[in-house]
Amino acid sequence: MINEIKQIVEGYLNNRKPACLMIGTVVAAGVKISEKLTLPWELIDGTLRDYAAVGDTVRLIRDDGGARYYIVEIIGYVPATKGRTIQIEPITIGSTTISEIKIKDVVK
């Protein structure tokens, strides 16, 4: 009897698709998470969705039930943030050369 209950619970959990962390690669059609499965953009949410570009590797969270996916990180992406200094190709204006810029603030 206990083995049958264990099988029922295991079957339920496997079919329920609990929330999990996944890694995928951005392609034009969505996010490819395996050779056989590409998640279409209609199933993907998250504020980083707008910043993901083709070829980026992303970390996703699948919600409980598997109906929605959320991009929580673009792996290797360093965002421009307030107070950060970024290096640029040198620009010469008159006798002044600029090779870095300090970000004062970031707005969307």
PDB file of N, CA and C in Angstrom:
ATOM      1  N   MET A   1       0.813  -1.197   0.000  1.00  0.00           N
ATOM      2  CA  MET A   1       0.000   0.000   0.000  1.00  0.00           C
ATOM      3  C   MET A   1       0.860   1.266   0.000  1.00  0.00           C
ATOM      4  N   ILE A   2       1.949   1.275   0.793  1.00  0.00           N
ATOM      5  CA  ILE A   2       2.824   2.450   0.871  1.00  0.00           C
ATOM      6  C   ILE A   2       3.485   2.702  -0.477  1.00  0.00           C
ATOM      7  N   ASN A   3       3.909   1.671  -1.172  1.00  0.00           N
ATOM      8  CA  ASN A   3       4.538   1.845  -2.495  1.00  0.00           C
ATOM      9  C   ASN A   3       3.575   2.462  -3.495  1.00  0.00           C
ATOM     10  N   GLU A   4       2.295   2.070  -3.428  1.00  0.00           N
ATOM     11  CA  GLU A   4       1.303   2.637  -4.336  1.00  0.00           C
ATOM     12  C   GLU A   4       1.096   4.126  -4.054  1.00  0.00           C
ATOM     13  N   ILE A   5       1.070   4.492  -2.771  1.00  0.00           N
ATOM     14  CA  ILE A   5       0.923   5.907  -2.401  1.00  0.00           C
ATOM     15  C   ILE A   5       2.134   6.703  -2.883  1.00  0.00           C
ATOM     16  N   LYS A   6       3.337   6.143  -2.722  1.00  0.00           N
ATOM     17  CA  LYS A   6       4.547   6.808  -3.201  1.00  0.00           C
ATOM     18  C   LYS A   6       4.494   7.021  -4.707  1.00  0.00           C
ATOM     19  N   GLN A   7       4.021   6.031  -5.456  1.00  0.00           N
ATOM     20  CA  GLN A   7       3.916   6.151  -6.912  1.00  0.00           C
ATOM     21  C   GLN A   7       2.911   7.239  -7.304  1.00  0.00           C
ATOM     22  N   ILE A   8       1.790   7.290  -6.592  1.00  0.00           N
ATOM     23  CA  ILE A   8       0.774   8.306  -6.883  1.00  0.00           C
ATOM     24  C   ILE A   8       1.334   9.704  -6.636  1.00  0.00           C
ATOM     25  N   VAL A   9       2.013   9.900  -5.493  1.00  0.00           N
ATOM     26  CA  VAL A   9       2.588  11.201  -5.160  1.00  0.00           C
ATOM     27  C   VAL A   9       3.671  11.569  -6.159  1.00  0.00           C
ATOM     28  N   GLU A  10       4.534  10.618  -6.512  1.00  0.00           N
ATOM     29  CA  GLU A  10       5.597  10.884  -7.490  1.00  0.00           C
ATOM     30  C   GLU A  10       5.012  11.251  -8.852  1.00  0.00           C
ATOM     31  N   GLY A  11       3.974  10.539  -9.284  1.00  0.00           N
ATOM     32  CA  GLY A  11       3.318  10.858 -10.553  1.00  0.00           C
ATOM     33  C   GLY A  11       2.700  12.243 -10.537  1.00  0.00           C
ATOM     34  N   TYR A  12       2.068  12.587  -9.418  1.00  0.00           N
ATOM     35  CA  TYR A  12       1.468  13.912  -9.281  1.00  0.00           C
ATOM     36  C   TYR A  12       2.522  15.007  -9.373  1.00  0.00           C
ATOM     37  N   LEU A  13       3.618  14.848  -8.636  1.00  0.00           N
ATOM     38  CA  LEU A  13       4.670  15.866  -8.648  1.00  0.00           C
ATOM     39  C   LEU A  13       5.320  15.997 -10.015  1.00  0.00           C
ATOM     40  N   ASN A  14       5.528  14.899 -10.710  1.00  0.00           N
ATOM     41  CA  ASN A  14       6.138  14.952 -12.043  1.00  0.00           C
ATOM     42  C   ASN A  14       5.221  15.634 -13.053  1.00  0.00           C
ATOM     43  N   ASN A  15       3.929  15.418 -12.951  1.00  0.00           N
ATOM     44  CA  ASN A  15       2.981  16.021 -13.889  1.00  0.00           C
ATOM     45  C   ASN A  15       2.643  17.461 -13.544  1.00  0.00           C
ATOM     46  N   ARG A  16       2.821  17.861 -12.294  1.00  0.00           N
ATOM     47  CA  ARG A  16       2.490  19.208 -11.836  1.00  0.00           C
ATOM     48  C   ARG A  16       3.476  20.257 -12.335  1.00  0.00           C
ATOM     49  N   LYS A  17       4.682  19.874 -12.639  1.00  0.00           N
ATOM     50  CA  LYS A  17       5.736  20.775 -13.084  1.00  0.00           C
ATOM     51  C   LYS A  17       6.002  21.860 -12.050  1.00  0.00           C
ATOM     52  N   PRO A  18       6.627  21.504 -10.932  1.00  0.00           N
ATOM     53  CA  PRO A  18       6.926  22.513  -9.913  1.00  0.00           C
ATOM     54  C   PRO A  18       7.904  23.560 -10.441  1.00  0.00           C
ATOM     55  N   ALA A  19       7.915  24.700  -9.791  1.00  0.00           N
ATOM     56  CA  ALA A  19       8.826  25.781 -10.190  1.00  0.00           C
ATOM     57  C   ALA A  19      10.262  25.274 -10.188  1.00  0.00           C
ATOM     58  N   CYS A  20      11.044  25.748 -11.154  1.00  0.00           N
ATOM     59  CA  CYS A  20      12.448  25.342 -11.204  1.00  0.00           C
ATOM     60  C   CYS A  20      13.272  26.403 -11.931  1.00  0.00           C
ATOM     61  N   LEU A  21      14.577  26.312 -11.755  1.00  0.00           N
ATOM     62  CA  LEU A  21      15.528  27.208 -12.400  1.00  0.00           C
ATOM     63  C   LEU A  21      16.038  26.527 -13.662  1.00  0.00           C
ATOM     64  N   MET A  22      16.115  27.270 -14.771  1.00  0.00           N
ATOM     65  CA  MET A  22      16.552  26.717 -16.048  1.00  0.00           C
ATOM     66  C   MET A  22      17.533  27.678 -16.710  1.00  0.00           C
ATOM     67  N   ILE A  23      18.329  27.150 -17.624  1.00  0.00           N
ATOM     68  CA  ILE A  23      19.235  27.979 -18.412  1.00  0.00           C
ATOM     69  C   ILE A  23      18.915  27.750 -19.885  1.00  0.00           C
ATOM     70  N   GLY A  24      18.898  28.840 -20.665  1.00  0.00           N
ATOM     71  CA  GLY A  24      18.602  28.735 -22.080  1.00  0.00           C
ATOM     72  C   GLY A  24      19.383  29.763 -22.876  1.00  0.00           C
ATOM     73  N   THR A  25      19.267  29.650 -24.185  1.00  0.00           N
ATOM     74  CA  THR A  25      19.928  30.569 -25.108  1.00  0.00           C
ATOM     75  C   THR A  25      18.868  31.309 -25.913  1.00  0.00           C
ATOM     76  N   VAL A  26      19.001  32.629 -25.987  1.00  0.00           N
ATOM     77  CA  VAL A  26      18.035  33.444 -26.726  1.00  0.00           C
ATOM     78  C   VAL A  26      18.221  33.222 -28.222  1.00  0.00           C
ATOM     79  N   VAL A  27      17.114  32.919 -28.898  1.00  0.00           N
ATOM     80  CA  VAL A  27      17.065  32.801 -30.355  1.00  0.00           C
ATOM     81  C   VAL A  27      15.943  33.713 -30.832  1.00  0.00           C
ATOM     82  N   ALA A  28      15.825  33.895 -32.124  1.00  0.00           N
ATOM     83  CA  ALA A  28      14.818  34.816 -32.654  1.00  0.00           C
ATOM     84  C   ALA A  28      13.396  34.431 -32.229  1.00  0.00           C
ATOM     85  N   ALA A  29      13.106  33.147 -32.146  1.00  0.00           N
ATOM     86  CA  ALA A  29      11.751  32.682 -31.835  1.00  0.00           C
ATOM     87  C   ALA A  29      11.431  32.668 -30.349  1.00  0.00           C
ATOM     88  N   GLY A  30      12.453  32.794 -29.480  1.00  0.00           N
ATOM     89  CA  GLY A  30      12.229  32.730 -28.035  1.00  0.00           C
ATOM     90  C   GLY A  30      13.501  32.341 -27.315  1.00  0.00           C
ATOM     91  N   VAL A  31      13.382  31.404 -26.363  1.00  0.00           N
ATOM     92  CA  VAL A  31      14.542  30.930 -25.609  1.00  0.00           C
ATOM     93  C   VAL A  31      14.632  29.419 -25.775  1.00  0.00           C
ATOM     94  N   LYS A  32      15.753  28.981 -26.290  1.00  0.00           N
ATOM     95  CA  LYS A  32      15.979  27.555 -26.528  1.00  0.00           C
ATOM     96  C   LYS A  32      16.541  26.940 -25.253  1.00  0.00           C
ATOM     97  N   ILE A  33      15.806  25.976 -24.668  1.00  0.00           N
ATOM     98  CA  ILE A  33      16.259  25.360 -23.430  1.00  0.00           C
ATOM     99  C   ILE A  33      16.778  23.936 -23.637  1.00  0.00           C
ATOM    100  N   SER A  34      16.565  23.392 -24.819  1.00  0.00           N
ATOM    101  CA  SER A  34      17.124  22.086 -25.173  1.00  0.00           C
ATOM    102  C   SER A  34      17.124  21.979 -26.692  1.00  0.00           C
ATOM    103  N   GLU A  35      17.700  20.922 -27.192  1.00  0.00           N
ATOM    104  CA  GLU A  35      17.733  20.736 -28.652  1.00  0.00           C
ATOM    105  C   GLU A  35      16.329  20.645 -29.241  1.00  0.00           C
ATOM    106  N   LYS A  36      15.395  20.122 -28.447  1.00  0.00           N
ATOM    107  CA  LYS A  36      14.043  19.900 -28.949  1.00  0.00           C
ATOM    108  C   LYS A  36      13.020  20.942 -28.519  1.00  0.00           C
ATOM    109  N   LEU A  37      13.369  21.803 -27.549  1.00  0.00           N
ATOM    110  CA  LEU A  37      12.365  22.718 -27.008  1.00  0.00           C
ATOM    111  C   LEU A  37      12.842  24.165 -27.007  1.00  0.00           C
ATOM    112  N   THR A  38      12.079  25.016 -27.706  1.00  0.00           N
ATOM    113  CA  THR A  38      12.275  26.463 -27.682  1.00  0.00           C
ATOM    114  C   THR A  38      11.008  27.083 -27.117  1.00  0.00           C
ATOM    115  N   LEU A  39      11.167  27.849 -26.042  1.00  0.00           N
ATOM    116  CA  LEU A  39      10.026  28.529 -25.437  1.00  0.00           C
ATOM    117  C   LEU A  39       9.691  29.762 -26.261  1.00  0.00           C
ATOM    118  N   PRO A  40       8.453  29.907 -26.731  1.00  0.00           N
ATOM    119  CA  PRO A  40       8.094  31.100 -27.505  1.00  0.00           C
ATOM    120  C   PRO A  40       8.036  32.333 -26.613  1.00  0.00           C
ATOM    121  N   TRP A  41       8.262  33.508 -27.206  1.00  0.00           N
ATOM    122  CA  TRP A  41       8.267  34.765 -26.452  1.00  0.00           C
ATOM    123  C   TRP A  41       6.953  34.992 -25.705  1.00  0.00           C
ATOM    124  N   GLU A  42       5.843  34.437 -26.176  1.00  0.00           N
ATOM    125  CA  GLU A  42       4.552  34.635 -25.517  1.00  0.00           C
ATOM    126  C   GLU A  42       4.534  34.045 -24.106  1.00  0.00           C
ATOM    127  N   LEU A  43       5.403  33.081 -23.817  1.00  0.00           N
ATOM    128  CA  LEU A  43       5.435  32.449 -22.493  1.00  0.00           C
ATOM    129  C   LEU A  43       6.465  33.078 -21.564  1.00  0.00           C
ATOM    130  N   ILE A  44       7.235  34.054 -22.050  1.00  0.00           N
ATOM    131  CA  ILE A  44       8.363  34.596 -21.286  1.00  0.00           C
ATOM    132  C   ILE A  44       8.064  36.011 -20.803  1.00  0.00           C
ATOM    133  N   ASP A  45       8.296  36.241 -19.503  1.00  0.00           N
ATOM    134  CA  ASP A  45       8.102  37.547 -18.875  1.00  0.00           C
ATOM    135  C   ASP A  45       9.387  37.966 -18.174  1.00  0.00           C
ATOM    136  N   GLY A  46       9.318  39.090 -17.505  1.00  0.00           N
ATOM    137  CA  GLY A  46      10.444  39.584 -16.723  1.00  0.00           C
ATOM    138  C   GLY A  46      10.985  40.871 -17.330  1.00  0.00           C
ATOM    139  N   THR A  47      11.503  41.734 -16.485  1.00  0.00           N
ATOM    140  CA  THR A  47      11.989  43.025 -16.961  1.00  0.00           C
ATOM    141  C   THR A  47      13.215  42.882 -17.849  1.00  0.00           C
ATOM    142  N   LEU A  48      13.952  41.802 -17.734  1.00  0.00           N
ATOM    143  CA  LEU A  48      15.150  41.620 -18.564  1.00  0.00           C
ATOM    144  C   LEU A  48      14.820  41.122 -19.969  1.00  0.00           C
ATOM    145  N   ARG A  49      13.586  40.736 -20.192  1.00  0.00           N
ATOM    146  CA  ARG A  49      13.192  40.235 -21.514  1.00  0.00           C
ATOM    147  C   ARG A  49      13.516  41.258 -22.618  1.00  0.00           C
ATOM    148  N   ASP A  50      13.282  42.532 -22.331  1.00  0.00           N
ATOM    149  CA  ASP A  50      13.511  43.589 -23.320  1.00  0.00           C
ATOM    150  C   ASP A  50      14.991  43.792 -23.629  1.00  0.00           C
ATOM    151  N   TYR A  51      15.873  43.306 -22.764  1.00  0.00           N
ATOM    152  CA  TYR A  51      17.308  43.533 -22.930  1.00  0.00           C
ATOM    153  C   TYR A  51      18.056  42.304 -23.447  1.00  0.00           C
ATOM    154  N   ALA A  52      17.389  41.167 -23.511  1.00  0.00           N
ATOM    155  CA  ALA A  52      18.030  39.943 -23.997  1.00  0.00           C
ATOM    156  C   ALA A  52      18.159  40.001 -25.511  1.00  0.00           C
ATOM    157  N   ALA A  53      19.341  39.654 -26.006  1.00  0.00           N
ATOM    158  CA  ALA A  53      19.610  39.667 -27.440  1.00  0.00           C
ATOM    159  C   ALA A  53      19.926  38.253 -27.914  1.00  0.00           C
ATOM    160  N   VAL A  54      19.709  38.007 -29.189  1.00  0.00           N
ATOM    161  CA  VAL A  54      20.002  36.693 -29.775  1.00  0.00           C
ATOM    162  C   VAL A  54      21.438  36.304 -29.448  1.00  0.00           C
ATOM    163  N   GLY A  55      21.599  35.092 -28.939  1.00  0.00           N
ATOM    164  CA  GLY A  55      22.916  34.588 -28.568  1.00  0.00           C
ATOM    165  C   GLY A  55      23.205  34.681 -27.078  1.00  0.00           C
ATOM    166  N   ASP A  56      22.453  35.506 -26.346  1.00  0.00           N
ATOM    167  CA  ASP A  56      22.647  35.620 -24.899  1.00  0.00           C
ATOM    168  C   ASP A  56      22.242  34.326 -24.203  1.00  0.00           C
ATOM    169  N   THR A  57      22.964  33.995 -23.143  1.00  0.00           N
ATOM    170  CA  THR A  57      22.583  32.887 -22.278  1.00  0.00           C
ATOM    171  C   THR A  57      21.839  33.487 -21.101  1.00  0.00           C
ATOM    172  N   VAL A  58      20.650  32.943 -20.810  1.00  0.00           N
ATOM    173  CA  VAL A  58      19.804  33.501 -19.760  1.00  0.00           C
ATOM    174  C   VAL A  58      19.439  32.442 -18.721  1.00  0.00           C
ATOM    175  N   ARG A  59      19.191  32.916 -17.507  1.00  0.00           N
ATOM    176  CA  ARG A  59      18.691  32.066 -16.435  1.00  0.00           C
ATOM    177  C   ARG A  59      17.209  32.385 -16.292  1.00  0.00           C
ATOM    178  N   LEU A  60      16.381  31.343 -16.288  1.00  0.00           N
ATOM    179  CA  LEU A  60      14.933  31.489 -16.219  1.00  0.00           C
ATOM    180  C   LEU A  60      14.387  30.771 -15.000  1.00  0.00           C
ATOM    181  N   ILE A  61      13.265  31.258 -14.504  1.00  0.00           N
ATOM    182  CA  ILE A  61      12.500  30.528 -13.506  1.00  0.00           C
ATOM    183  C   ILE A  61      11.187  30.133 -14.164  1.00  0.00           C
ATOM    184  N   ARG A  62      10.890  28.829 -14.109  1.00  0.00           N
ATOM    185  CA  ARG A  62       9.591  28.350 -14.588  1.00  0.00           C
ATOM    186  C   ARG A  62       8.637  28.421 -13.412  1.00  0.00           C
ATOM    187  N   ASP A  63       7.465  29.038 -13.597  1.00  0.00           N
ATOM    188  CA  ASP A  63       6.525  29.128 -12.486  1.00  0.00           C
ATOM    189  C   ASP A  63       5.897  27.774 -12.195  1.00  0.00           C
ATOM    190  N   ASP A  64       5.274  27.678 -11.040  1.00  0.00           N
ATOM    191  CA  ASP A  64       4.627  26.446 -10.632  1.00  0.00           C
ATOM    192  C   ASP A  64       3.509  26.123 -11.613  1.00  0.00           C
ATOM    193  N   GLY A  65       3.622  25.021 -12.303  1.00  0.00           N
ATOM    194  CA  GLY A  65       2.642  24.634 -13.315  1.00  0.00           C
ATOM    195  C   GLY A  65       3.192  24.741 -14.722  1.00  0.00           C
ATOM    196  N   GLY A  66       4.252  25.502 -14.905  1.00  0.00           N
ATOM    197  CA  GLY A  66       4.905  25.587 -16.206  1.00  0.00           C
ATOM    198  C   GLY A  66       4.224  26.475 -17.223  1.00  0.00           C
ATOM    199  N   ALA A  67       3.346  27.378 -16.780  1.00  0.00           N
ATOM    200  CA  ALA A  67       2.624  28.232 -17.728  1.00  0.00           C
ATOM    201  C   ALA A  67       3.409  29.476 -18.121  1.00  0.00           C
ATOM    202  N   ARG A  68       4.296  29.977 -17.261  1.00  0.00           N
ATOM    203  CA  ARG A  68       5.062  31.193 -17.535  1.00  0.00           C
ATOM    204  C   ARG A  68       6.509  30.971 -17.149  1.00  0.00           C
ATOM    205  N   TYR A  69       7.397  31.692 -17.830  1.00  0.00           N
ATOM    206  CA  TYR A  69       8.831  31.661 -17.552  1.00  0.00           C
ATOM    207  C   TYR A  69       9.295  33.095 -17.383  1.00  0.00           C
ATOM    208  N   TYR A  70      10.225  33.314 -16.457  1.00  0.00           N
ATOM    209  CA  TYR A  70      10.704  34.660 -16.155  1.00  0.00           C
ATOM    210  C   TYR A  70      12.222  34.705 -16.297  1.00  0.00           C
ATOM    211  N   ILE A  71      12.718  35.643 -17.098  1.00  0.00           N
ATOM    212  CA  ILE A  71      14.162  35.823 -17.212  1.00  0.00           C
ATOM    213  C   ILE A  71      14.614  36.585 -15.968  1.00  0.00           C
ATOM    214  N   VAL A  72      15.505  35.972 -15.204  1.00  0.00           N
ATOM    215  CA  VAL A  72      15.986  36.608 -13.981  1.00  0.00           C
ATOM    216  C   VAL A  72      17.438  37.050 -14.089  1.00  0.00           C
ATOM    217  N   GLU A  73      18.138  36.592 -15.129  1.00  0.00           N
ATOM    218  CA  GLU A  73      19.537  36.998 -15.314  1.00  0.00           C
ATOM    219  C   GLU A  73      19.952  36.773 -16.751  1.00  0.00           C
ATOM    220  N   ILE A  74      20.681  37.729 -17.292  1.00  0.00           N
ATOM    221  CA  ILE A  74      21.386  37.527 -18.555  1.00  0.00           C
ATOM    222  C   ILE A  74      22.817  37.244 -18.135  1.00  0.00           C
ATOM    223  N   ILE A  75      23.242  36.008 -18.297  1.00  0.00           N
ATOM    224  CA  ILE A  75      24.530  35.570 -17.781  1.00  0.00           C
ATOM    225  C   ILE A  75      25.657  36.319 -18.492  1.00  0.00           C
ATOM    226  N   GLY A  76      26.523  36.943 -17.705  1.00  0.00           N
ATOM    227  CA  GLY A  76      27.650  37.695 -18.240  1.00  0.00           C
ATOM    228  C   GLY A  76      27.338  39.143 -18.547  1.00  0.00           C
ATOM    229  N   TYR A  77      26.081  39.552 -18.409  1.00  0.00           N
ATOM    230  CA  TYR A  77      25.669  40.921 -18.695  1.00  0.00           C
ATOM    231  C   TYR A  77      25.910  41.800 -17.473  1.00  0.00           C
ATOM    232  N   VAL A  78      26.627  42.879 -17.653  1.00  0.00           N
ATOM    233  CA  VAL A  78      26.872  43.831 -16.571  1.00  0.00           C
ATOM    234  C   VAL A  78      26.093  45.102 -16.908  1.00  0.00           C
ATOM    235  N   PRO A  79      25.018  45.370 -16.180  1.00  0.00           N
ATOM    236  CA  PRO A  79      24.191  46.525 -16.520  1.00  0.00           C
ATOM    237  C   PRO A  79      24.850  47.853 -16.163  1.00  0.00           C
ATOM    238  N   ALA A  80      24.457  48.888 -16.883  1.00  0.00           N
ATOM    239  CA  ALA A  80      24.905  50.241 -16.541  1.00  0.00           C
ATOM    240  C   ALA A  80      24.089  50.691 -15.343  1.00  0.00           C
ATOM    241  N   THR A  81      24.773  51.009 -14.259  1.00  0.00           N
ATOM    242  CA  THR A  81      24.076  51.399 -13.042  1.00  0.00           C
ATOM    243  C   THR A  81      24.608  52.713 -12.508  1.00  0.00           C
ATOM    244  N   LYS A  82      23.804  53.338 -11.690  1.00  0.00           N
ATOM    245  CA  LYS A  82      24.144  54.622 -11.088  1.00  0.00           C
ATOM    246  C   LYS A  82      25.491  54.532 -10.373  1.00  0.00           C
ATOM    247  N   GLY A  83      26.351  55.502 -10.661  1.00  0.00           N
ATOM    248  CA  GLY A  83      27.658  55.568 -10.013  1.00  0.00           C
ATOM    249  C   GLY A  83      28.745  54.730 -10.655  1.00  0.00           C
ATOM    250  N   ARG A  84      28.411  53.918 -11.630  1.00  0.00           N
ATOM    251  CA  ARG A  84      29.391  53.055 -12.292  1.00  0.00           C
ATOM    252  C   ARG A  84      30.175  53.852 -13.341  1.00  0.00           C
ATOM    253  N   THR A  85      31.425  53.519 -13.525  1.00  0.00           N
ATOM    254  CA  THR A  85      32.244  54.141 -14.565  1.00  0.00           C
ATOM    255  C   THR A  85      32.411  53.140 -15.700  1.00  0.00           C
ATOM    256  N   ILE A  86      32.151  53.585 -16.930  1.00  0.00           N
ATOM    257  CA  ILE A  86      32.321  52.689 -18.073  1.00  0.00           C
ATOM    258  C   ILE A  86      33.457  53.200 -18.956  1.00  0.00           C
ATOM    259  N   GLN A  87      34.180  52.261 -19.535  1.00  0.00           N
ATOM    260  CA  GLN A  87      35.273  52.588 -20.446  1.00  0.00           C
ATOM    261  C   GLN A  87      34.702  52.697 -21.863  1.00  0.00           C
ATOM    262  N   ILE A  88      35.176  53.688 -22.616  1.00  0.00           N
ATOM    263  CA  ILE A  88      34.724  53.877 -23.998  1.00  0.00           C
ATOM    264  C   ILE A  88      35.941  54.025 -24.892  1.00  0.00           C
ATOM    265  N   GLU A  89      35.700  53.891 -26.177  1.00  0.00           N
ATOM    266  CA  GLU A  89      36.762  54.203 -27.137  1.00  0.00           C
ATOM    267  C   GLU A  89      37.093  55.680 -26.973  1.00  0.00           C
ATOM    268  N   PRO A  90      38.360  56.037 -26.941  1.00  0.00           N
ATOM    269  CA  PRO A  90      38.727  57.443 -26.729  1.00  0.00           C
ATOM    270  C   PRO A  90      38.104  58.383 -27.772  1.00  0.00           C
ATOM    271  N   ILE A  91      37.583  59.491 -27.263  1.00  0.00           N
ATOM    272  CA  ILE A  91      37.019  60.549 -28.110  1.00  0.00           C
ATOM    273  C   ILE A  91      37.836  61.802 -27.836  1.00  0.00           C
ATOM    274  N   THR A  92      38.319  62.418 -28.900  1.00  0.00           N
ATOM    275  CA  THR A  92      39.088  63.647 -28.731  1.00  0.00           C
ATOM    276  C   THR A  92      38.252  64.822 -29.190  1.00  0.00           C
ATOM    277  N   ILE A  93      38.106  65.798 -28.291  1.00  0.00           N
ATOM    278  CA  ILE A  93      37.394  67.034 -28.593  1.00  0.00           C
ATOM    279  C   ILE A  93      38.371  68.163 -28.304  1.00  0.00           C
ATOM    280  N   GLY A  94      38.862  68.807 -29.377  1.00  0.00           N
ATOM    281  CA  GLY A  94      39.897  69.829 -29.211  1.00  0.00           C
ATOM    282  C   GLY A  94      41.149  69.180 -28.656  1.00  0.00           C
ATOM    283  N   SER A  95      41.595  69.612 -27.503  1.00  0.00           N
ATOM    284  CA  SER A  95      42.792  69.035 -26.899  1.00  0.00           C
ATOM    285  C   SER A  95      42.448  68.057 -25.762  1.00  0.00           C
ATOM    286  N   THR A  96      41.156  67.784 -25.567  1.00  0.00           N
ATOM    287  CA  THR A  96      40.724  66.895 -24.481  1.00  0.00           C
ATOM    288  C   THR A  96      40.342  65.527 -25.041  1.00  0.00           C
ATOM    289  N   THR A  97      40.847  64.470 -24.416  1.00  0.00           N
ATOM    290  CA  THR A  97      40.489  63.109 -24.802  1.00  0.00           C
ATOM    291  C   THR A  97      39.693  62.468 -23.666  1.00  0.00           C
ATOM    292  N   ILE A  98      38.539  61.905 -24.021  1.00  0.00           N
ATOM    293  CA  ILE A  98      37.673  61.245 -23.044  1.00  0.00           C
ATOM    294  C   ILE A  98      37.728  59.743 -23.303  1.00  0.00           C
ATOM    295  N   SER A  99      38.036  58.954 -22.258  1.00  0.00           N
ATOM    296  CA  SER A  99      38.094  57.504 -22.423  1.00  0.00           C
ATOM    297  C   SER A  99      37.211  56.763 -21.422  1.00  0.00           C
ATOM    298  N   GLU A 100      36.588  57.498 -20.513  1.00  0.00           N
ATOM    299  CA  GLU A 100      35.644  56.873 -19.594  1.00  0.00           C
ATOM    300  C   GLU A 100      34.560  57.864 -19.213  1.00  0.00           C
ATOM    301  N   ILE A 101      33.401  57.299 -18.834  1.00  0.00           N
ATOM    302  CA  ILE A 101      32.246  58.115 -18.473  1.00  0.00           C
ATOM    303  C   ILE A 101      31.698  57.567 -17.158  1.00  0.00           C
ATOM    304  N   LYS A 102      31.410  58.448 -16.214  1.00  0.00           N
ATOM    305  CA  LYS A 102      30.756  58.032 -14.971  1.00  0.00           C
ATOM    306  C   LYS A 102      29.260  58.257 -15.124  1.00  0.00           C
ATOM    307  N   ILE A 103      28.472  57.223 -14.819  1.00  0.00           N
ATOM    308  CA  ILE A 103      27.030  57.300 -14.969  1.00  0.00           C
ATOM    309  C   ILE A 103      26.435  58.007 -13.756  1.00  0.00           C
ATOM    310  N   LYS A 104      25.718  59.075 -14.021  1.00  0.00           N
ATOM    311  CA  LYS A 104      25.098  59.854 -12.949  1.00  0.00           C
ATOM    312  C   LYS A 104      23.807  59.193 -12.469  1.00  0.00           C
ATOM    313  N   ASP A 105      22.967  58.745 -13.408  1.00  0.00           N
ATOM    314  CA  ASP A 105      21.708  58.108 -13.072  1.00  0.00           C
ATOM    315  C   ASP A 105      21.251  57.261 -14.249  1.00  0.00           C
ATOM    316  N   VAL A 106      20.386  56.308 -13.995  1.00  0.00           N
ATOM    317  CA  VAL A 106      19.852  55.431 -15.041  1.00  0.00           C
ATOM    318  C   VAL A 106      18.339  55.453 -14.944  1.00  0.00           C
ATOM    319  N   VAL A 107      17.669  55.716 -16.065  1.00  0.00           N
ATOM    320  CA  VAL A 107      16.219  55.701 -16.117  1.00  0.00           C
ATOM    321  C   VAL A 107      15.796  54.873 -17.322  1.00  0.00           C
ATOM    322  N   LYS A 108      14.614  54.329 -17.236  1.00  0.00           N
ATOM    323  CA  LYS A 108      14.098  53.536 -18.367  1.00  0.00           C
ATOM    324  C   LYS A 108      13.185  54.377 -19.197  1.00  0.00           C
TER     325      LYS A 108
END
